[in-house]
Amino acid sequence: MNRFISEKLAINVLILILSLVIVFHSLIITGIIPFDIVWGGRLSGVAQMRLYESISLVLNLLMLLMVMAKGGLLHTGISKKVYTYFFGLMSLLFFLNTIGNFISKNDFERMIFTPLTLILSILFLRLSILK
């Protein structure tokens, strides 16, 4: 995988995608984008949406900060082992999310987010591979 996707490319693409995902979730929380297109169309109301989307925002921000630190844009003092495990866990999380998006009741989520989460899974897998 190292030959196909460089670490620098993975970092840059992840920064771009995660930044856009953070904007997307912010637009859902503010009501600009309807929440029925996320979470498999299974959210029961605004309160549940705000909880789920808030958690999603925090997790996406954490992932963005970790990727930025891995890319040398932030200095954290975190060991390579922590990055490796974190990115491996994120790869697994996004792979499972890909399956969830694939079986979503919402066509938009199925068509847009299934390939997006698969790409995120592959990119995080790439960052979890030690050189």
Protein backbone atom coordinates (compact mmCIF):
# COMPACT_ATOMS: atom_id res chain seq x y z
CA MET A 1 0.00 0.00 0.00
CA ASN A 2 2.96 2.31 0.63
CA ARG A 3 3.73 2.30 -3.09
CA PHE A 4 0.20 3.30 -4.09
CA ILE A 5 -0.62 5.92 -1.47
CA SER A 6 2.18 8.00 0.02
CA GLU A 7 1.94 9.06 3.63
CA LYS A 8 1.94 12.71 2.56
CA LEU A 9 -0.93 12.14 0.12
CA ALA A 10 -2.94 10.27 2.76
CA ILE A 11 -2.39 13.08 5.27
CA ASN A 12 -3.35 15.84 2.82
CA VAL A 13 -6.47 14.05 1.58
CA LEU A 14 -7.53 13.23 5.15
CA ILE A 15 -7.11 16.85 6.23
CA LEU A 16 -9.28 17.98 3.33
CA ILE A 17 -11.99 15.35 3.81
CA LEU A 18 -12.15 15.66 7.61
CA SER A 19 -12.35 19.46 7.35
CA LEU A 20 -15.26 19.16 4.91
CA VAL A 21 -16.95 16.55 7.13
CA ILE A 22 -16.70 18.92 10.11
CA VAL A 23 -18.39 21.66 8.06
CA PHE A 24 -21.05 19.17 6.92
CA HIS A 25 -21.88 18.08 10.48
CA SER A 26 -21.95 21.72 11.60
CA LEU A 27 -24.51 22.45 8.88
CA ILE A 28 -26.64 19.54 10.12
CA ILE A 29 -26.55 20.77 13.73
CA THR A 30 -27.58 24.26 12.63
CA GLY A 31 -30.46 22.84 10.58
CA ILE A 32 -29.17 24.06 7.22
CA ILE A 33 -28.91 20.45 6.07
CA PRO A 34 -31.78 18.14 7.14
CA PHE A 35 -30.72 15.42 9.58
CA ASP A 36 -32.73 12.67 7.91
CA ILE A 37 -29.85 12.06 5.49
CA VAL A 38 -27.48 10.87 8.22
CA TRP A 39 -27.31 8.04 10.75
CA GLY A 40 -29.13 5.70 8.41
CA GLY A 41 -32.24 7.87 8.53
CA ARG A 42 -32.93 6.44 11.99
CA LEU A 43 -32.73 9.53 14.22
CA SER A 44 -35.89 10.02 16.26
CA GLY A 45 -35.74 13.79 16.67
CA VAL A 46 -33.76 16.98 17.06
CA ALA A 47 -32.44 16.15 20.54
CA GLN A 48 -31.02 12.82 19.39
CA MET A 49 -29.57 14.48 16.28
CA ARG A 50 -27.80 17.14 18.36
CA LEU A 51 -26.29 14.48 20.63
CA TYR A 52 -25.11 12.25 17.78
CA GLU A 53 -23.85 15.13 15.67
CA SER A 54 -22.01 16.69 18.63
CA ILE A 55 -20.23 13.40 19.27
CA SER A 56 -19.45 13.14 15.57
CA LEU A 57 -18.01 16.67 15.52
CA VAL A 58 -15.75 15.97 18.51
CA LEU A 59 -14.51 12.68 17.00
CA ASN A 60 -13.87 14.26 13.60
CA LEU A 61 -12.00 17.14 15.21
CA LEU A 62 -9.88 14.66 17.19
CA MET A 63 -9.12 12.71 14.01
CA LEU A 64 -8.22 15.93 12.18
CA LEU A 65 -5.86 17.02 14.97
CA MET A 66 -4.19 13.59 15.05
CA VAL A 67 -3.70 13.61 11.28
CA MET A 68 -2.32 17.15 11.41
CA ALA A 69 0.08 16.11 14.17
CA LYS A 70 1.18 13.06 12.18
CA GLY A 71 1.85 15.40 9.25
CA GLY A 72 4.00 17.67 11.41
CA LEU A 73 1.53 20.55 11.43
CA LEU A 74 1.01 20.23 15.21
CA HIS A 75 3.53 19.19 17.81
CA THR A 76 2.09 16.87 20.46
CA GLY A 77 4.87 14.57 21.63
CA ILE A 78 2.64 11.56 20.97
CA SER A 79 4.58 8.39 20.18
CA LYS A 80 4.43 6.67 16.80
CA LYS A 81 2.83 3.66 18.47
CA VAL A 82 -0.15 5.73 19.63
CA TYR A 83 -0.64 7.07 16.11
CA THR A 84 -0.40 3.57 14.68
CA TYR A 85 -3.07 2.18 17.01
CA PHE A 86 -5.31 5.24 16.67
CA PHE A 87 -5.21 5.21 12.88
CA GLY A 88 -5.73 1.44 12.80
CA LEU A 89 -8.79 1.86 15.03
CA MET A 90 -10.10 4.67 12.80
CA SER A 91 -9.60 2.47 9.73
CA LEU A 92 -11.69 -0.26 11.35
CA LEU A 93 -14.33 2.25 12.48
CA PHE A 94 -14.69 3.66 8.97
CA PHE A 95 -14.80 0.20 7.44
CA LEU A 96 -17.69 -0.70 9.77
CA ASN A 97 -19.29 2.67 8.97
CA THR A 98 -19.01 1.80 5.28
CA ILE A 99 -21.10 -1.30 5.91
CA GLY A 100 -23.65 0.78 7.85
CA ASN A 101 -23.84 3.34 5.06
CA PHE A 102 -24.29 0.59 2.48
CA ILE A 103 -27.40 -0.70 4.29
CA SER A 104 -28.76 2.79 5.05
CA LYS A 105 -32.42 3.57 4.37
CA ASN A 106 -31.34 6.87 2.81
CA ASP A 107 -30.22 6.84 -0.85
CA PHE A 108 -28.02 9.94 -0.41
CA GLU A 109 -26.17 8.37 2.49
CA ARG A 110 -25.78 5.10 0.63
CA MET A 111 -24.54 6.69 -2.61
CA ILE A 112 -22.29 9.43 -1.17
CA PHE A 113 -21.09 8.22 2.20
CA THR A 114 -20.46 4.57 1.39
CA PRO A 115 -17.55 5.38 -0.96
CA LEU A 116 -16.40 8.28 1.24
CA THR A 117 -16.08 6.14 4.37
CA LEU A 118 -14.36 3.41 2.35
CA ILE A 119 -11.79 5.99 1.17
CA LEU A 120 -11.32 7.19 4.76
CA SER A 121 -10.84 3.60 5.91
CA ILE A 122 -8.14 3.02 3.28
CA LEU A 123 -6.36 6.31 4.06
CA PHE A 124 -6.34 5.64 7.81
CA LEU A 125 -5.10 2.11 7.12
CA ARG A 126 -2.26 3.63 5.13
CA LEU A 127 -1.30 5.87 8.06
CA SER A 128 -1.42 2.93 10.45
CA ILE A 129 1.27 1.09 8.48
CA LEU A 130 4.70 1.75 9.95
CA LYS A 131 7.57 2.54 7.62
